[in-house]
N, C-alpha and C. Protein backbone atom coordinates (compact mmCIF):
# COMPACT_ATOMS: atom_id res chain seq x y z
N MET A 1 51.28 188.09 112.72
CA MET A 1 51.04 188.24 114.56
C MET A 1 51.78 187.06 115.44
N PRO A 2 52.49 188.52 115.86
CA PRO A 2 53.43 187.69 117.07
C PRO A 2 52.46 186.69 118.17
N LEU A 3 53.10 186.42 118.40
CA LEU A 3 52.44 185.07 119.61
C LEU A 3 52.93 185.59 121.15
N CYS A 4 51.36 185.60 121.56
CA CYS A 4 50.93 186.08 123.07
C CYS A 4 52.24 185.07 123.76
N HIS A 5 52.11 185.67 125.27
CA HIS A 5 53.33 184.93 125.92
C HIS A 5 52.72 182.97 126.54
N SER A 6 51.01 183.53 126.43
CA SER A 6 50.28 182.17 126.44
C SER A 6 51.10 180.87 125.41
N GLU A 7 50.82 181.45 124.33
CA GLU A 7 50.85 180.94 123.02
C GLU A 7 52.00 180.47 122.91
N ARG A 8 53.36 181.23 123.33
CA ARG A 8 54.42 180.02 123.32
C ARG A 8 55.02 179.40 124.42
N SER A 9 54.76 179.56 125.30
CA SER A 9 54.90 178.53 126.45
C SER A 9 54.16 177.09 125.83
N GLU A 10 52.33 177.32 125.30
CA GLU A 10 52.12 175.87 125.05
C GLU A 10 52.91 175.21 123.74
N GLU A 11 53.32 176.14 122.75
CA GLU A 11 54.12 175.83 121.79
C GLU A 11 55.40 174.90 122.51
N SER A 12 55.92 175.35 123.62
CA SER A 12 57.49 175.29 124.43
C SER A 12 56.98 174.19 124.65
N LEU A 13 55.83 173.28 124.81
CA LEU A 13 55.36 172.69 125.94
C LEU A 13 55.03 171.18 124.96
N ILE A 14 54.52 171.67 123.98
CA ILE A 14 54.58 170.57 122.91
C ILE A 14 55.57 170.03 122.34
N ILE A 15 56.38 171.02 122.19
CA ILE A 15 58.06 170.78 121.26
C ILE A 15 58.74 170.09 122.80
N SER A 16 58.56 170.63 123.61
CA SER A 16 59.19 169.49 125.13
C SER A 16 58.83 168.03 124.74
N ALA A 17 57.12 167.85 125.12
CA ALA A 17 56.81 166.45 124.89
C ALA A 17 57.32 165.46 123.85
N GLN A 18 57.36 166.69 122.39
CA GLN A 18 57.95 165.37 121.22
C GLN A 18 58.80 164.96 121.53
N ILE A 19 59.97 166.29 122.27
CA ILE A 19 61.24 166.01 122.18
C ILE A 19 61.49 164.62 123.00
N ALA A 20 60.88 164.69 124.48
CA ALA A 20 61.16 163.66 125.46
C ALA A 20 60.55 162.45 125.22
N ARG A 21 59.05 162.34 123.64
CA ARG A 21 58.86 160.92 123.30
C ARG A 21 59.74 160.52 122.48
N GLY A 22 60.62 161.13 121.54
CA GLY A 22 61.80 161.09 120.77
C GLY A 22 62.93 160.05 122.12
N ASN A 23 63.23 160.77 122.97
CA ASN A 23 64.39 160.43 123.64
C ASN A 23 64.16 159.06 123.82
N ARG A 24 63.01 158.95 124.67
CA ARG A 24 62.04 157.51 125.03
C ARG A 24 62.38 156.39 124.33
N GLN A 25 61.78 156.87 122.77
CA GLN A 25 61.54 156.33 122.42
C GLN A 25 62.87 155.38 121.47
N ARG A 26 63.92 156.50 121.71
CA ARG A 26 65.73 156.29 121.60
C ARG A 26 65.99 155.15 122.91
N CYS A 27 65.60 155.87 123.86
CA CYS A 27 66.37 154.78 124.69
C CYS A 27 65.53 153.41 125.10
N PHE A 28 64.14 153.36 124.36
CA PHE A 28 63.27 152.06 124.08
C PHE A 28 64.15 150.96 123.42
N ALA A 29 64.60 151.58 122.29
CA ALA A 29 65.38 151.23 121.07
C ALA A 29 66.59 150.89 121.46
N SER A 30 67.24 151.54 122.38
CA SER A 30 68.75 151.58 122.93
C SER A 30 68.05 150.21 123.55
N LEU A 31 67.34 149.88 124.82
CA LEU A 31 67.02 148.55 125.24
C LEU A 31 67.17 147.39 124.97
N ASN A 32 65.96 147.67 123.96
CA ASN A 32 65.80 146.60 122.84
C ASN A 32 67.18 145.74 122.16
N MET A 33 67.91 146.80 121.75
CA MET A 33 69.35 146.63 120.84
C MET A 33 70.01 145.54 122.24
N THR A 34 70.21 146.02 123.29
CA THR A 34 70.86 145.87 124.67
C THR A 34 70.52 143.96 124.74
N ALA A 35 69.25 144.42 125.45
CA ALA A 35 68.61 143.22 125.29
C ALA A 35 68.86 141.78 124.01
N SER A 36 68.96 142.71 123.22
CA SER A 36 68.66 141.96 121.89
C SER A 36 70.46 140.75 121.95
N PHE A 37 71.18 141.85 122.42
CA PHE A 37 72.69 141.81 122.13
C PHE A 37 73.23 140.62 123.39
N MET A 38 72.49 140.68 124.78
CA MET A 38 72.40 140.04 125.47
C MET A 38 72.00 138.55 125.04
N LYS A 39 71.50 138.22 124.46
CA LYS A 39 70.23 137.22 124.39
C LYS A 39 70.78 136.44 123.42
N ASN A 40 71.19 136.94 122.42
CA ASN A 40 71.69 136.11 121.35
C ASN A 40 73.50 136.13 121.08
N PHE A 41 73.97 136.78 121.47
CA PHE A 41 75.53 136.99 121.23
C PHE A 41 76.01 136.49 122.68
N LEU A 42 75.59 136.50 123.22
CA LEU A 42 76.22 135.99 124.92
C LEU A 42 76.25 134.81 125.37
N PRO A 43 75.26 134.63 124.69
CA PRO A 43 75.18 132.92 124.87
C PRO A 43 76.41 132.25 123.80
N ASN A 44 76.13 132.49 122.77
CA ASN A 44 77.60 132.03 122.05
C ASN A 44 78.93 132.36 121.86
N PHE A 45 78.81 133.28 123.05
CA PHE A 45 80.33 133.81 122.89
C PHE A 45 80.34 132.74 124.31
N VAL A 46 79.76 132.52 125.19
CA VAL A 46 80.03 131.82 126.41
C VAL A 46 80.14 130.18 126.11
N ALA A 47 79.18 129.40 124.68
CA ALA A 47 79.61 128.26 124.08
C ALA A 47 80.80 128.21 123.64
N ALA A 48 81.03 129.64 123.51
CA ALA A 48 82.62 129.79 122.44
C ALA A 48 83.81 129.40 122.88
N ILE A 49 83.91 129.97 124.32
CA ILE A 49 84.68 129.55 125.10
C ILE A 49 84.76 128.92 126.09
N VAL A 50 83.77 127.92 125.81
CA VAL A 50 83.51 126.27 126.79
C VAL A 50 84.28 126.01 125.32
N ILE A 51 83.87 125.94 124.58
CA ILE A 51 84.84 125.13 123.25
C ILE A 51 85.86 125.43 123.14
N VAL A 52 86.61 126.46 123.38
CA VAL A 52 87.89 126.54 123.31
C VAL A 52 88.86 125.75 124.43
N GLY A 53 88.19 126.23 125.52
CA GLY A 53 88.42 125.90 126.87
C GLY A 53 88.78 124.27 127.09
N LEU A 54 87.68 123.15 126.03
CA LEU A 54 87.46 121.80 126.44
C LEU A 54 88.63 121.64 124.81
N THR A 55 88.57 122.10 123.89
CA THR A 55 89.15 121.50 122.65
C THR A 55 91.02 120.69 123.11
N PRO A 56 91.60 121.81 123.84
CA PRO A 56 92.83 120.88 124.03
C PRO A 56 92.55 119.76 124.96
N VAL A 57 91.65 119.44 125.77
CA VAL A 57 91.38 118.28 126.36
C VAL A 57 90.88 117.57 126.02
N ALA A 58 90.09 117.77 124.71
CA ALA A 58 89.30 116.49 124.30
C ALA A 58 90.23 116.43 122.42
N SER A 59 90.66 116.99 122.30
CA SER A 59 92.28 116.46 121.07
C SER A 59 93.45 115.88 121.70
N ALA A 60 93.36 116.65 123.33
CA ALA A 60 94.69 115.22 123.89
C ALA A 60 94.87 114.07 123.43
N ASN A 61 93.54 113.20 123.08
CA ASN A 61 93.31 111.95 123.90
C ASN A 61 92.52 111.53 122.59
N GLU A 62 92.97 109.95 121.82
CA GLU A 62 92.11 110.19 120.70
C GLU A 62 92.34 108.30 120.59
N THR A 63 91.06 107.66 120.68
CA THR A 63 91.13 106.34 120.56
C THR A 63 90.65 105.79 119.64
N TYR A 64 91.47 104.54 118.73
CA TYR A 64 91.15 104.07 117.78
C TYR A 64 90.78 102.49 117.84
N LYS A 65 89.90 102.19 116.81
CA LYS A 65 90.05 100.23 117.22
C LYS A 65 90.22 99.98 115.77
N PHE A 66 90.78 98.41 116.04
CA PHE A 66 91.73 97.72 114.82
C PHE A 66 89.90 97.57 113.70
N GLU A 67 90.30 97.90 112.81
CA GLU A 67 90.11 96.82 111.46
C GLU A 67 90.06 95.46 111.11
N PRO A 68 89.89 94.84 111.57
CA PRO A 68 90.30 93.33 111.28
C PRO A 68 90.06 93.16 109.35
N SER A 69 89.41 94.33 108.56
CA SER A 69 89.33 93.93 107.07
C SER A 69 90.55 94.15 106.62
N GLY A 70 90.91 95.56 106.90
CA GLY A 70 92.50 95.90 106.37
C GLY A 70 94.02 95.60 106.92
N SER A 71 93.77 94.65 108.40
CA SER A 71 95.01 94.59 109.44
C SER A 71 95.08 93.00 109.15
N THR A 72 96.33 93.09 109.38
CA THR A 72 96.85 91.67 109.74
C THR A 72 98.25 91.21 110.33
N ILE A 73 97.46 90.14 110.77
CA ILE A 73 98.11 89.55 112.49
C ILE A 73 98.82 88.13 111.84
N GLY A 74 99.88 88.60 111.11
CA GLY A 74 100.73 86.88 110.41
C GLY A 74 102.05 86.63 111.01
N PHE A 75 102.84 85.12 110.98
CA PHE A 75 103.34 84.35 110.94
C PHE A 75 104.21 83.78 109.95
N ALA A 76 105.19 83.59 110.23
CA ALA A 76 106.03 82.34 109.38
C ALA A 76 107.19 81.95 109.78
N VAL A 77 107.06 80.13 110.05
CA VAL A 77 108.00 79.65 110.48
C VAL A 77 108.91 78.84 109.74
N HIS A 78 110.03 78.28 109.69
CA HIS A 78 110.64 77.34 108.85
C HIS A 78 110.71 76.25 108.75
N GLN A 79 110.66 75.39 107.73
CA GLN A 79 110.24 73.71 108.13
C GLN A 79 110.75 72.97 106.89
N PHE A 80 112.12 72.12 107.69
CA PHE A 80 112.84 72.08 106.54
C PHE A 80 112.87 72.77 105.82
N LEU A 81 113.28 72.41 104.55
CA LEU A 81 113.64 73.33 103.50
C LEU A 81 112.90 75.06 103.01
N GLY A 82 111.69 74.93 103.45
CA GLY A 82 110.86 75.98 103.10
C GLY A 82 110.31 76.98 104.38
N THR A 83 109.40 78.00 104.04
CA THR A 83 108.62 78.20 105.23
C THR A 83 107.02 78.75 105.28
N THR A 84 106.33 77.82 106.62
CA THR A 84 105.41 77.65 106.71
C THR A 84 104.46 79.36 106.68
N GLN A 85 104.38 79.98 106.19
CA GLN A 85 102.72 81.31 106.86
C GLN A 85 101.45 81.05 107.35
N GLY A 86 100.90 81.93 107.90
CA GLY A 86 99.96 81.69 108.82
C GLY A 86 98.94 83.21 109.72
N LYS A 87 98.22 83.26 109.55
CA LYS A 87 97.54 84.21 110.15
C LYS A 87 96.32 84.08 111.15
N PHE A 88 96.37 84.99 111.70
CA PHE A 88 94.97 84.85 112.76
C PHE A 88 93.90 86.30 111.40
N THR A 89 92.70 85.44 111.96
CA THR A 89 91.79 86.17 110.99
C THR A 89 90.74 86.69 111.77
N ARG A 90 90.57 86.38 112.93
CA ARG A 90 89.95 86.80 113.77
C ARG A 90 90.70 87.79 115.20
N PHE A 91 90.42 88.96 115.66
CA PHE A 91 91.00 89.58 116.33
C PHE A 91 90.20 91.10 116.46
N SER A 92 90.97 91.11 118.04
CA SER A 92 90.40 92.95 117.93
C SER A 92 91.50 93.52 119.21
N GLY A 93 91.28 95.14 119.00
CA GLY A 93 92.03 95.96 119.74
C GLY A 93 91.42 97.33 119.36
N LYS A 94 92.56 97.88 120.71
CA LYS A 94 92.27 99.21 121.02
C LYS A 94 93.97 100.10 121.07
N ILE A 95 93.60 101.06 120.79
CA ILE A 95 95.08 102.35 120.31
C ILE A 95 94.46 103.52 121.32
N ASP A 96 94.77 104.24 122.23
CA ASP A 96 95.11 105.09 122.89
C ASP A 96 95.74 106.11 122.87
N VAL A 97 96.14 106.85 122.17
CA VAL A 97 96.86 107.87 121.29
C VAL A 97 97.09 109.10 122.16
N ASP A 98 98.24 110.02 122.99
CA ASP A 98 98.63 111.12 123.59
C ASP A 98 99.60 111.56 122.58
N ARG A 99 98.49 112.64 121.59
CA ARG A 99 100.19 113.26 120.67
C ARG A 99 100.57 114.25 121.56
N GLU A 100 100.41 114.62 122.17
CA GLU A 100 101.15 115.56 123.00
C GLU A 100 102.31 114.75 123.91
N HIS A 101 102.13 113.76 124.64
CA HIS A 101 102.81 113.01 125.15
C HIS A 101 102.48 111.47 124.90
N PRO A 102 103.49 111.29 123.99
CA PRO A 102 103.36 109.87 123.09
C PRO A 102 103.90 108.61 124.26
N GLU A 103 104.55 108.95 125.33
CA GLU A 103 104.38 107.84 126.31
C GLU A 103 103.60 107.69 126.98
N ASN A 104 102.58 108.43 127.07
CA ASN A 104 100.92 108.12 127.87
C ASN A 104 100.14 107.13 126.93
N SER A 105 100.48 107.13 125.55
CA SER A 105 99.29 105.82 125.01
C SER A 105 99.94 104.70 125.31
N SER A 106 98.76 103.94 124.52
CA SER A 106 98.47 102.29 125.26
C SER A 106 97.99 101.56 124.41
N VAL A 107 98.43 100.50 123.67
CA VAL A 107 97.80 99.55 123.02
C VAL A 107 97.43 98.33 123.48
N THR A 108 96.26 97.60 123.98
CA THR A 108 95.74 96.86 123.84
C THR A 108 95.32 95.90 123.20
N ALA A 109 95.34 94.68 122.17
CA ALA A 109 94.87 93.33 121.53
C ALA A 109 94.92 92.07 122.05
N GLN A 110 93.69 91.59 121.40
CA GLN A 110 92.93 90.09 121.68
C GLN A 110 92.95 89.35 120.59
N ILE A 111 93.50 88.44 120.58
CA ILE A 111 93.66 87.34 119.56
C ILE A 111 93.15 86.35 119.28
N ASP A 112 91.49 85.55 118.75
CA ASP A 112 90.84 84.28 118.43
C ASP A 112 91.67 83.50 118.23
N VAL A 113 92.36 81.98 119.15
CA VAL A 113 93.32 81.27 118.66
C VAL A 113 92.63 80.66 117.51
N ARG A 114 91.78 80.29 117.68
CA ARG A 114 90.59 79.04 116.82
C ARG A 114 90.72 79.30 115.62
N SER A 115 90.89 80.98 114.78
CA SER A 115 91.10 82.14 114.18
C SER A 115 92.56 81.14 112.72
N ILE A 116 93.06 80.53 113.70
CA ILE A 116 94.65 80.51 112.92
C ILE A 116 94.11 79.65 111.58
N ASP A 117 94.80 79.75 110.36
CA ASP A 117 95.05 79.96 109.16
C ASP A 117 96.29 79.93 108.43
N THR A 118 96.18 78.13 107.76
CA THR A 118 97.70 77.92 107.29
C THR A 118 97.46 77.82 105.83
N ARG A 119 96.18 77.94 105.34
CA ARG A 119 95.59 77.49 104.41
C ARG A 119 95.64 75.95 104.04
N ILE A 120 95.73 75.32 104.91
CA ILE A 120 95.43 73.30 105.30
C ILE A 120 95.29 73.32 106.43
N LYS A 121 93.31 73.13 106.56
CA LYS A 121 93.11 72.70 107.62
C LYS A 121 93.23 71.67 108.27
N LYS A 122 93.57 70.50 107.42
CA LYS A 122 94.18 69.13 108.72
C LYS A 122 95.59 70.59 109.64
N ARG A 123 96.03 70.69 109.08
CA ARG A 123 97.98 71.11 110.31
C ARG A 123 96.56 72.15 110.82
N ASP A 124 95.75 73.14 110.89
CA ASP A 124 95.19 74.17 111.77
C ASP A 124 94.66 73.11 112.48
N ASP A 125 93.67 72.26 112.35
CA ASP A 125 92.75 71.34 113.36
C ASP A 125 94.10 71.17 113.81
N HIS A 126 95.02 70.04 114.01
CA HIS A 126 96.17 69.87 114.83
C HIS A 126 96.60 70.80 115.48
N LEU A 127 97.04 71.99 115.22
CA LEU A 127 97.28 73.43 115.70
C LEU A 127 96.47 73.52 116.62
N ARG A 128 95.38 73.83 116.92
CA ARG A 128 94.32 73.83 117.67
C ARG A 128 94.58 73.19 118.81
N SER A 129 94.77 71.67 118.36
CA SER A 129 94.45 70.71 119.25
C SER A 129 95.40 70.62 120.75
N SER A 130 94.75 69.59 121.32
CA SER A 130 95.81 69.96 123.32
C SER A 130 97.34 69.49 122.98
N GLU A 131 97.37 69.35 121.17
CA GLU A 131 99.11 68.66 121.38
C GLU A 131 100.07 70.36 121.64
N PHE A 132 99.12 71.48 120.94
CA PHE A 132 99.60 72.56 120.65
C PHE A 132 99.58 73.64 121.00
N PHE A 133 97.88 74.34 120.67
CA PHE A 133 98.24 75.43 121.07
C PHE A 133 96.57 75.02 121.92
N ASN A 134 96.24 74.49 122.03
CA ASN A 134 94.74 73.96 123.11
C ASN A 134 93.98 75.11 123.22
N VAL A 135 92.81 75.08 121.58
CA VAL A 135 92.52 76.10 121.74
C VAL A 135 90.93 76.38 123.09
N GLU A 136 90.84 74.77 123.36
CA GLU A 136 89.48 75.19 124.18
C GLU A 136 89.97 74.92 126.14
N LYS A 137 91.07 75.25 125.91
CA LYS A 137 91.62 75.71 127.21
C LYS A 137 92.15 76.93 126.77
N PHE A 138 93.19 77.79 125.97
CA PHE A 138 93.66 78.59 126.25
C PHE A 138 92.67 79.76 124.88
N PRO A 139 91.60 79.92 124.64
CA PRO A 139 91.40 80.48 123.51
C PRO A 139 91.64 81.39 122.90
N GLN A 140 92.43 82.45 123.79
CA GLN A 140 92.73 83.91 123.66
C GLN A 140 93.98 84.43 123.69
N MET A 141 94.65 84.71 123.07
CA MET A 141 96.21 85.44 122.94
C MET A 141 95.95 86.69 123.17
N THR A 142 96.71 87.38 124.00
CA THR A 142 96.53 88.80 124.36
C THR A 142 98.09 89.58 124.49
N PHE A 143 97.60 90.86 124.25
CA PHE A 143 98.61 91.92 124.61
C PHE A 143 98.27 92.96 125.46
N LYS A 144 99.13 93.59 126.36
CA LYS A 144 98.67 94.70 126.75
C LYS A 144 100.09 95.29 127.16
N SER A 145 100.03 96.39 126.13
CA SER A 145 101.48 97.29 126.87
C SER A 145 101.72 98.27 127.69
N ARG A 146 103.06 98.40 128.31
CA ARG A 146 103.58 98.68 129.65
C ARG A 146 103.89 99.60 129.46
N SER A 147 104.86 100.30 128.15
CA SER A 147 105.44 101.59 128.12
C SER A 147 105.61 101.86 126.27
N VAL A 148 105.72 103.22 126.51
CA VAL A 148 105.68 103.29 124.98
C VAL A 148 107.13 104.69 124.50
N LYS A 149 107.84 104.58 124.03
CA LYS A 149 108.93 105.69 123.74
C LYS A 149 109.31 105.79 121.90
N ARG A 150 109.24 107.19 122.20
CA ARG A 150 109.11 107.76 120.74
C ARG A 150 110.83 107.45 120.02
N THR A 151 111.24 106.72 119.15
CA THR A 151 112.19 106.93 118.40
C THR A 151 111.97 107.26 117.07
N GLY A 152 111.25 108.20 116.76
CA GLY A 152 111.43 108.64 115.56
C GLY A 152 110.15 109.57 115.55
N PRO A 153 110.55 110.48 113.69
CA PRO A 153 109.11 110.91 114.28
C PRO A 153 108.02 110.48 114.03
N GLN A 154 108.20 109.49 113.35
CA GLN A 154 106.65 108.55 112.91
C GLN A 154 107.17 106.74 113.02
N SER A 155 108.04 106.77 114.31
CA SER A 155 108.17 105.47 115.13
C SER A 155 107.89 105.43 116.37
N GLY A 156 108.04 103.96 116.70
CA GLY A 156 108.45 104.30 118.28
C GLY A 156 108.67 102.57 118.87
N ASP A 157 109.00 102.23 120.10
CA ASP A 157 108.93 101.29 120.34
C ASP A 157 108.02 101.00 121.87
N ILE A 158 106.91 99.42 121.39
CA ILE A 158 105.84 99.07 122.67
C ILE A 158 106.01 98.35 123.42
N VAL A 159 106.87 98.29 124.44
CA VAL A 159 106.42 96.90 125.60
C VAL A 159 105.57 96.89 126.16
N GLY A 160 105.31 95.40 126.04
CA GLY A 160 103.86 95.20 126.61
C GLY A 160 104.52 93.52 127.11
N ASP A 161 102.87 93.13 128.15
CA ASP A 161 103.32 91.73 127.94
C ASP A 161 101.97 90.84 127.17
N LEU A 162 102.57 89.87 126.45
CA LEU A 162 101.88 89.00 125.34
C LEU A 162 101.36 87.63 126.16
N THR A 163 100.44 87.13 126.71
CA THR A 163 99.91 86.65 127.11
C THR A 163 99.71 84.82 125.82
N MET A 164 100.20 84.00 125.51
CA MET A 164 99.79 82.95 125.22
C MET A 164 99.95 81.62 125.97
N HIS A 165 98.65 80.90 125.06
CA HIS A 165 98.84 79.22 126.19
C HIS A 165 99.24 79.13 127.22
N GLY A 166 98.68 80.72 127.90
CA GLY A 166 98.65 80.70 129.75
C GLY A 166 100.24 80.83 130.01
N VAL A 167 100.69 81.49 129.05
CA VAL A 167 102.57 81.50 129.61
C VAL A 167 102.95 83.58 129.11
N THR A 168 103.04 84.48 130.15
CA THR A 168 103.06 85.55 129.89
C THR A 168 104.52 86.07 129.70
N ARG A 169 104.78 86.72 128.78
CA ARG A 169 106.12 87.16 128.14
C ARG A 169 106.32 88.91 127.68
N PRO A 170 107.31 89.29 128.38
CA PRO A 170 107.54 90.70 128.10
C PRO A 170 108.04 90.74 126.36
N VAL A 171 107.37 91.46 125.58
CA VAL A 171 107.48 92.03 124.16
C VAL A 171 107.78 93.35 123.87
N THR A 172 109.05 93.49 122.83
CA THR A 172 108.40 94.82 122.38
C THR A 172 108.34 94.96 120.94
N LEU A 173 107.43 95.86 120.38
CA LEU A 173 107.04 96.07 119.46
C LEU A 173 107.69 96.94 118.49
N HIS A 174 108.18 96.94 117.56
CA HIS A 174 108.50 98.22 117.21
C HIS A 174 107.90 98.69 115.65
N VAL A 175 107.29 99.91 115.87
CA VAL A 175 105.87 100.55 114.91
C VAL A 175 106.86 101.32 113.97
N LYS A 176 105.95 101.47 113.12
CA LYS A 176 106.43 102.83 112.18
C LYS A 176 104.99 102.68 111.97
N LEU A 177 104.69 104.25 112.09
CA LEU A 177 103.44 104.94 111.24
C LEU A 177 103.47 105.00 109.75
N VAL A 178 102.86 104.60 108.71
CA VAL A 178 102.48 104.88 107.94
C VAL A 178 101.32 105.63 106.79
N THR A 179 100.91 106.23 107.53
CA THR A 179 99.61 107.00 107.49
C THR A 179 100.27 108.48 107.74
N PRO A 180 99.92 109.76 107.36
CA PRO A 180 100.19 110.95 107.58
C PRO A 180 100.13 111.68 108.70
N MET A 181 100.80 112.17 109.37
CA MET A 181 100.78 112.21 110.91
C MET A 181 99.23 113.03 110.97
N ASN A 182 98.57 114.01 110.47
CA ASN A 182 98.22 115.05 110.44
C ASN A 182 96.49 113.70 110.24
N GLU A 183 96.50 112.85 109.95
CA GLU A 183 94.89 111.96 109.69
C GLU A 183 94.68 111.26 111.42
N THR A 184 93.62 111.83 111.28
CA THR A 184 93.37 111.49 112.37
C THR A 184 92.17 110.46 112.34
N ASN A 185 91.17 110.44 111.18
CA ASN A 185 90.06 109.34 111.47
C ASN A 185 90.59 107.76 111.43
N ARG A 186 91.86 107.34 110.37
CA ARG A 186 92.41 106.48 110.81
C ARG A 186 93.81 106.40 110.92
N THR A 187 94.29 105.60 111.13
CA THR A 187 96.11 105.38 111.35
C THR A 187 96.23 104.15 111.07
N ARG A 188 96.99 103.95 110.36
CA ARG A 188 98.11 102.32 110.10
C ARG A 188 99.14 102.20 110.66
N TRP A 189 99.85 100.81 111.23
CA TRP A 189 101.27 100.86 111.50
C TRP A 189 101.47 99.76 110.92
N ALA A 190 102.95 99.65 110.54
CA ALA A 190 103.30 98.30 110.35
C ALA A 190 104.43 97.74 111.83
N VAL A 191 104.03 96.87 112.22
CA VAL A 191 104.98 96.84 113.35
C VAL A 191 105.50 94.77 113.23
N THR A 192 106.80 95.05 114.12
CA THR A 192 107.75 94.26 113.46
C THR A 192 108.14 94.05 114.92
N THR A 193 108.69 92.51 115.42
CA THR A 193 109.33 92.09 116.85
C THR A 193 110.04 90.89 116.61
N ASP A 194 110.92 90.99 117.45
CA ASP A 194 112.12 89.87 117.55
C ASP A 194 111.20 88.35 117.31
N ALA A 195 112.07 87.49 117.23
CA ALA A 195 111.05 86.08 116.69
C ALA A 195 111.19 85.71 118.36
N ILE A 196 109.66 85.13 118.03
CA ILE A 196 109.54 84.47 119.26
C ILE A 196 109.72 82.73 119.39
N ASN A 197 110.41 82.30 120.31
CA ASN A 197 110.62 81.08 120.93
C ASN A 197 109.19 80.42 121.59
N ARG A 198 109.60 79.66 120.23
CA ARG A 198 107.95 78.83 120.73
C ARG A 198 108.01 77.72 122.45
N ARG A 199 109.32 77.81 122.67
CA ARG A 199 109.90 76.68 123.77
C ARG A 199 109.06 77.89 125.42
N ASP A 200 109.42 79.10 125.03
CA ASP A 200 109.07 79.91 125.78
C ASP A 200 107.41 80.55 126.55
N PHE A 201 106.57 79.93 125.31
CA PHE A 201 105.30 79.77 125.57
C PHE A 201 104.72 78.26 125.84
N ASN A 202 105.80 77.82 125.94
CA ASN A 202 105.69 75.94 126.08
C ASN A 202 104.80 75.18 125.05
N LEU A 203 104.63 75.87 123.84
CA LEU A 203 104.53 75.56 122.57
C LEU A 203 105.42 74.11 121.77
N LEU A 204 105.20 73.41 122.21
CA LEU A 204 105.89 72.44 121.68
C LEU A 204 105.14 70.99 121.33
N PHE A 205 105.75 70.51 120.63
CA PHE A 205 105.23 69.20 119.82
C PHE A 205 105.17 68.13 120.37
N ALA A 206 105.13 66.70 120.56
CA ALA A 206 105.60 65.53 121.46
C ALA A 206 107.13 65.49 120.82
N PRO A 207 107.90 65.15 121.29
CA PRO A 207 109.59 64.66 120.78
C PRO A 207 109.58 64.44 119.46
N ALA A 208 108.78 63.00 119.19
CA ALA A 208 108.25 62.57 117.99
C ALA A 208 107.80 63.27 116.87
N THR A 209 106.83 63.66 117.21
CA THR A 209 106.39 64.79 116.17
C THR A 209 107.19 65.84 115.95
N GLN A 210 107.95 66.77 116.30
CA GLN A 210 108.88 67.66 116.54
C GLN A 210 109.88 67.21 115.19
N THR A 211 110.64 66.09 115.50
CA THR A 211 111.72 65.53 114.68
C THR A 211 110.98 65.35 113.23
N VAL A 212 109.95 64.55 113.34
CA VAL A 212 109.44 64.50 112.02
C VAL A 212 108.85 65.62 110.81
N SER A 213 108.34 66.81 111.64
CA SER A 213 107.70 67.98 111.25
C SER A 213 108.96 68.62 111.03
N GLY A 214 110.34 68.68 111.63
CA GLY A 214 111.48 69.69 111.28
C GLY A 214 110.77 71.30 111.27
N ILE A 215 110.05 71.54 111.98
CA ILE A 215 109.68 72.60 112.50
C ILE A 215 110.87 73.29 113.48
N SER A 216 110.55 74.82 113.00
CA SER A 216 112.03 75.72 113.86
C SER A 216 111.50 75.97 115.18
N GLN A 217 111.54 75.92 115.72
CA GLN A 217 111.75 76.71 117.45
C GLN A 217 111.47 78.52 117.59
N THR A 218 111.69 78.76 116.58
CA THR A 218 111.64 80.56 116.25
C THR A 218 110.51 80.64 115.27
N VAL A 219 109.75 81.28 115.84
CA VAL A 219 108.67 81.95 114.79
C VAL A 219 108.95 83.73 114.43
N ALA A 220 108.72 84.34 112.81
CA ALA A 220 109.00 85.21 112.35
C ALA A 220 107.27 86.04 113.25
N ILE A 221 107.20 87.44 113.16
CA ILE A 221 106.04 87.76 113.44
C ILE A 221 106.01 89.25 112.57
N ASN A 222 104.83 89.22 111.57
CA ASN A 222 104.00 89.97 110.39
C ASN A 222 103.37 90.77 110.84
N ILE A 223 103.07 91.75 111.23
CA ILE A 223 101.85 92.59 111.69
C ILE A 223 101.66 93.88 111.09
N GLU A 224 100.61 94.39 110.56
CA GLU A 224 100.14 95.72 110.07
C GLU A 224 98.52 95.76 110.75
N ILE A 225 98.48 96.63 111.25
CA ILE A 225 97.29 97.46 112.07
C ILE A 225 96.72 98.94 111.33
N GLU A 226 95.39 98.57 110.90
CA GLU A 226 95.00 99.78 110.35
C GLU A 226 93.76 99.81 111.47
N ALA A 227 93.29 100.88 111.98
CA ALA A 227 92.26 101.38 113.07
C ALA A 227 91.61 102.65 112.54
N LYS A 228 90.18 102.68 113.11
CA LYS A 228 89.53 103.52 113.19
C LYS A 228 89.21 104.30 114.04
N ARG A 229 89.47 105.87 114.08
CA ARG A 229 88.74 106.27 115.30
C ARG A 229 87.30 106.28 116.11
N ALA A 230 87.60 106.30 116.90
CA ALA A 230 86.38 105.74 117.64
C ALA A 230 85.58 106.60 117.85
N GLU A 231 84.13 106.79 117.45
CA GLU A 231 82.81 107.91 118.41
C GLU A 231 82.86 108.29 118.76
């Protein structure tokens, strides 16, 4: 039987209401998806932008601290027909590296003079005494860089001030990186410099002792530094 006008109108209203409810549900679902997107994605996106923005700054400067167990600060001096070798066993230091601008890098080091070790206790005690190092008055030897110049892919010259026995003199350290360039957790350097003249630092024995000992005025330096990146 054909529907009358009122029945068709009622059916039309029911269908319209169902369509409206469907549209509202889809709208709410869309709003929920948008809200979820804003809540979950945007914070992560913003965080990623912040990290990317900070990364160049954070990676431009790296700080490394000396690892004494893997490092050597040694010296050698001629005596009569032989050579006396020794080292310092207690020291600390810091290397600030700017890979983008190596000239902005810097190095500082402190050496405990009491830790001198030539493998002969009597000689070490004499070197610590007031006749030579006078460790009671001058317990530390220090180095502080003033300029860094790159001389090759993995080498450079570091000019700085060496303070020893109360005297400060400029020295140039010739350094060579012996670890890969892309190694960022640890770094190892071989260091050489011109021989140091004891007279420049007032490190002189009494004339009679100097004559008897036959010790050269010049001291060769042998340094290898291993450093670990600071946390």
